[in-house]
Amino acid sequence: MTFNTIGFVGLGLIGGSVAKSIKRVHPEITIVGYNRNQEVLRDAVSDGVVDIMSDGSLEAFRECDLIFLCVPVVTALNFMDRLRDIKKEGAILTDVGSV
């Protein structure tokens, strides 16, 4: 499977590190990012890690082939529910918190 667009919900230590690594190795991949702290999100765009900023509606995640939830487990459940109807068919939704 080819991933053209990868989304990250949460750009903290884990999400930010994974996103940076992907962008470093595969700069052609478009990265969509959401973070509740907008300053962190703006920094990720400024650093060239995130290509598309998502707002709270998460609409920007519609085109993602792969979405990482990099938030606390309780919060991840909420985002799973919200992304269920937004993500495109066949997209992979995974997490880094062992949900």
C-alpha atoms as a PDB file:
ATOM      1  CA  MET A   1       0.000   0.000   0.000  1.00  0.00           C
ATOM      2  CA  THR A   2       1.212   3.482  -0.827  1.00  0.00           C
ATOM      3  CA  PHE A   3       0.680   6.341   1.600  1.00  0.00           C
ATOM      4  CA  ASN A   4       0.469   9.738  -0.078  1.00  0.00           C
ATOM      5  CA  THR A   5      -1.098  11.596   2.839  1.00  0.00           C
ATOM      6  CA  ILE A   6      -0.598  10.791   6.521  1.00  0.00           C
ATOM      7  CA  GLY A   7      -2.442  12.493   9.357  1.00  0.00           C
ATOM      8  CA  PHE A   8      -1.399  13.082  12.944  1.00  0.00           C
ATOM      9  CA  VAL A   9      -3.794  13.941  15.753  1.00  0.00           C
ATOM     10  CA  GLY A  10      -1.410  15.154  18.416  1.00  0.00           C
ATOM     11  CA  LEU A  11       2.060  16.515  17.712  1.00  0.00           C
ATOM     12  CA  GLY A  12       3.677  16.025  21.097  1.00  0.00           C
ATOM     13  CA  LEU A  13       6.791  13.984  21.806  1.00  0.00           C
ATOM     14  CA  ILE A  14       5.604  10.826  20.066  1.00  0.00           C
ATOM     15  CA  GLY A  15       3.420  12.235  17.286  1.00  0.00           C
ATOM     16  CA  GLY A  16       5.853  15.004  16.484  1.00  0.00           C
ATOM     17  CA  SER A  17       8.799  12.604  16.401  1.00  0.00           C
ATOM     18  CA  VAL A  18       7.056  10.119  14.115  1.00  0.00           C
ATOM     19  CA  ALA A  19       5.880  12.914  11.795  1.00  0.00           C
ATOM     20  CA  LYS A  20       9.414  14.389  11.619  1.00  0.00           C
ATOM     21  CA  SER A  21      10.920  10.998  10.823  1.00  0.00           C
ATOM     22  CA  ILE A  22       8.406  10.302   8.068  1.00  0.00           C
ATOM     23  CA  LYS A  23       8.946  13.751   6.537  1.00  0.00           C
ATOM     24  CA  ARG A  24      12.736  13.370   6.705  1.00  0.00           C
ATOM     25  CA  VAL A  25      12.729   9.974   4.963  1.00  0.00           C
ATOM     26  CA  HIS A  26       9.765  10.646   2.640  1.00  0.00           C
ATOM     27  CA  PRO A  27       9.532  14.398   1.974  1.00  0.00           C
ATOM     28  CA  GLU A  28       7.038  13.733  -0.836  1.00  0.00           C
ATOM     29  CA  ILE A  29       4.387  12.549   1.643  1.00  0.00           C
ATOM     30  CA  THR A  30       1.821  15.164   2.608  1.00  0.00           C
ATOM     31  CA  ILE A  31       1.349  15.394   6.364  1.00  0.00           C
ATOM     32  CA  VAL A  32      -1.885  16.668   7.880  1.00  0.00           C
ATOM     33  CA  GLY A  33      -1.683  17.730  11.506  1.00  0.00           C
ATOM     34  CA  TYR A  34      -4.014  18.637  14.330  1.00  0.00           C
ATOM     35  CA  ASN A  35      -2.978  19.706  17.806  1.00  0.00           C
ATOM     36  CA  ARG A  36      -5.108  21.382  20.442  1.00  0.00           C
ATOM     37  CA  ASN A  37      -2.258  23.821  21.088  1.00  0.00           C
ATOM     38  CA  GLN A  38      -2.241  25.948  17.943  1.00  0.00           C
ATOM     39  CA  GLU A  39       1.263  27.269  18.618  1.00  0.00           C
ATOM     40  CA  VAL A  40       2.654  23.718  18.424  1.00  0.00           C
ATOM     41  CA  LEU A  41       0.768  23.197  15.159  1.00  0.00           C
ATOM     42  CA  ARG A  42       2.053  26.463  13.671  1.00  0.00           C
ATOM     43  CA  ASP A  43       5.608  25.518  14.684  1.00  0.00           C
ATOM     44  CA  ALA A  44       5.248  22.140  12.945  1.00  0.00           C
ATOM     45  CA  VAL A  45       4.166  23.926   9.755  1.00  0.00           C
ATOM     46  CA  SER A  46       6.985  26.469  10.099  1.00  0.00           C
ATOM     47  CA  ASP A  47       9.502  23.628  10.565  1.00  0.00           C
ATOM     48  CA  GLY A  48       8.264  21.936   7.381  1.00  0.00           C
ATOM     49  CA  VAL A  49       6.920  18.862   9.165  1.00  0.00           C
ATOM     50  CA  VAL A  50       3.193  19.509   8.690  1.00  0.00           C
ATOM     51  CA  ASP A  51       1.918  20.524   5.256  1.00  0.00           C
ATOM     52  CA  ILE A  52      -1.779  20.968   6.080  1.00  0.00           C
ATOM     53  CA  MET A  53      -3.141  22.299   9.368  1.00  0.00           C
ATOM     54  CA  SER A  54      -6.454  20.879  10.498  1.00  0.00           C
ATOM     55  CA  ASP A  55      -8.872  22.755  12.669  1.00  0.00           C
ATOM     56  CA  GLY A  56     -11.163  21.162  15.238  1.00  0.00           C
ATOM     57  CA  SER A  57     -13.547  19.937  12.532  1.00  0.00           C
ATOM     58  CA  LEU A  58     -10.866  17.461  11.353  1.00  0.00           C
ATOM     59  CA  GLU A  59     -12.110  17.862   7.762  1.00  0.00           C
ATOM     60  CA  ALA A  60      -8.516  18.004   6.511  1.00  0.00           C
ATOM     61  CA  PHE A  61      -8.161  14.312   7.408  1.00  0.00           C
ATOM     62  CA  ARG A  62     -10.589  13.231   4.648  1.00  0.00           C
ATOM     63  CA  GLU A  63      -7.755  12.579   2.190  1.00  0.00           C
ATOM     64  CA  CYS A  64      -5.428  10.736   4.560  1.00  0.00           C
ATOM     65  CA  ASP A  65      -4.383   7.190   3.716  1.00  0.00           C
ATOM     66  CA  LEU A  66      -3.100   6.640   7.251  1.00  0.00           C
ATOM     67  CA  ILE A  67      -4.030   8.472  10.454  1.00  0.00           C
ATOM     68  CA  PHE A  68      -2.077   8.257  13.715  1.00  0.00           C
ATOM     69  CA  LEU A  69      -3.802   9.134  16.979  1.00  0.00           C
ATOM     70  CA  CYS A  70      -1.033  10.433  19.237  1.00  0.00           C
ATOM     71  CA  VAL A  71      -3.095  11.530  22.209  1.00  0.00           C
ATOM     72  CA  PRO A  72      -3.961   9.990  25.602  1.00  0.00           C
ATOM     73  CA  VAL A  73      -6.080   6.833  25.375  1.00  0.00           C
ATOM     74  CA  VAL A  74      -9.278   8.459  26.693  1.00  0.00           C
ATOM     75  CA  THR A  75      -8.897  11.259  24.174  1.00  0.00           C
ATOM     76  CA  ALA A  76      -8.086   8.798  21.371  1.00  0.00           C
ATOM     77  CA  LEU A  77     -11.497   7.157  21.793  1.00  0.00           C
ATOM     78  CA  ASN A  78     -13.190  10.504  21.159  1.00  0.00           C
ATOM     79  CA  PHE A  79     -11.118  11.108  18.032  1.00  0.00           C
ATOM     80  CA  MET A  80     -11.818   7.570  16.787  1.00  0.00           C
ATOM     81  CA  ASP A  81     -15.536   8.324  16.924  1.00  0.00           C
ATOM     82  CA  ARG A  82     -15.111  11.686  15.199  1.00  0.00           C
ATOM     83  CA  LEU A  83     -12.871  10.352  12.433  1.00  0.00           C
ATOM     84  CA  ARG A  84     -15.015   7.298  11.698  1.00  0.00           C
ATOM     85  CA  ASP A  85     -17.341   9.247   9.401  1.00  0.00           C
ATOM     86  CA  ILE A  86     -14.665  11.596   8.049  1.00  0.00           C
ATOM     87  CA  LYS A  87     -11.872   9.249   6.956  1.00  0.00           C
ATOM     88  CA  LYS A  88     -11.934   7.936   3.435  1.00  0.00           C
ATOM     89  CA  GLU A  89     -12.774   4.316   2.718  1.00  0.00           C
ATOM     90  CA  GLY A  90      -9.746   2.085   3.113  1.00  0.00           C
ATOM     91  CA  ALA A  91      -7.791   4.532   5.248  1.00  0.00           C
ATOM     92  CA  ILE A  92      -5.940   3.040   8.199  1.00  0.00           C
ATOM     93  CA  LEU A  93      -6.630   4.557  11.614  1.00  0.00           C
ATOM     94  CA  THR A  94      -4.110   3.597  14.293  1.00  0.00           C
ATOM     95  CA  ASP A  95      -2.720   4.919  17.552  1.00  0.00           C
ATOM     96  CA  VAL A  96       0.445   5.027  19.594  1.00  0.00           C
ATOM     97  CA  GLY A  97      -1.242   4.376  22.937  1.00  0.00           C
ATOM     98  CA  SER A  98      -2.076   0.668  22.658  1.00  0.00           C
ATOM     99  CA  VAL A  99      -5.828   1.219  22.218  1.00  0.00           C
END
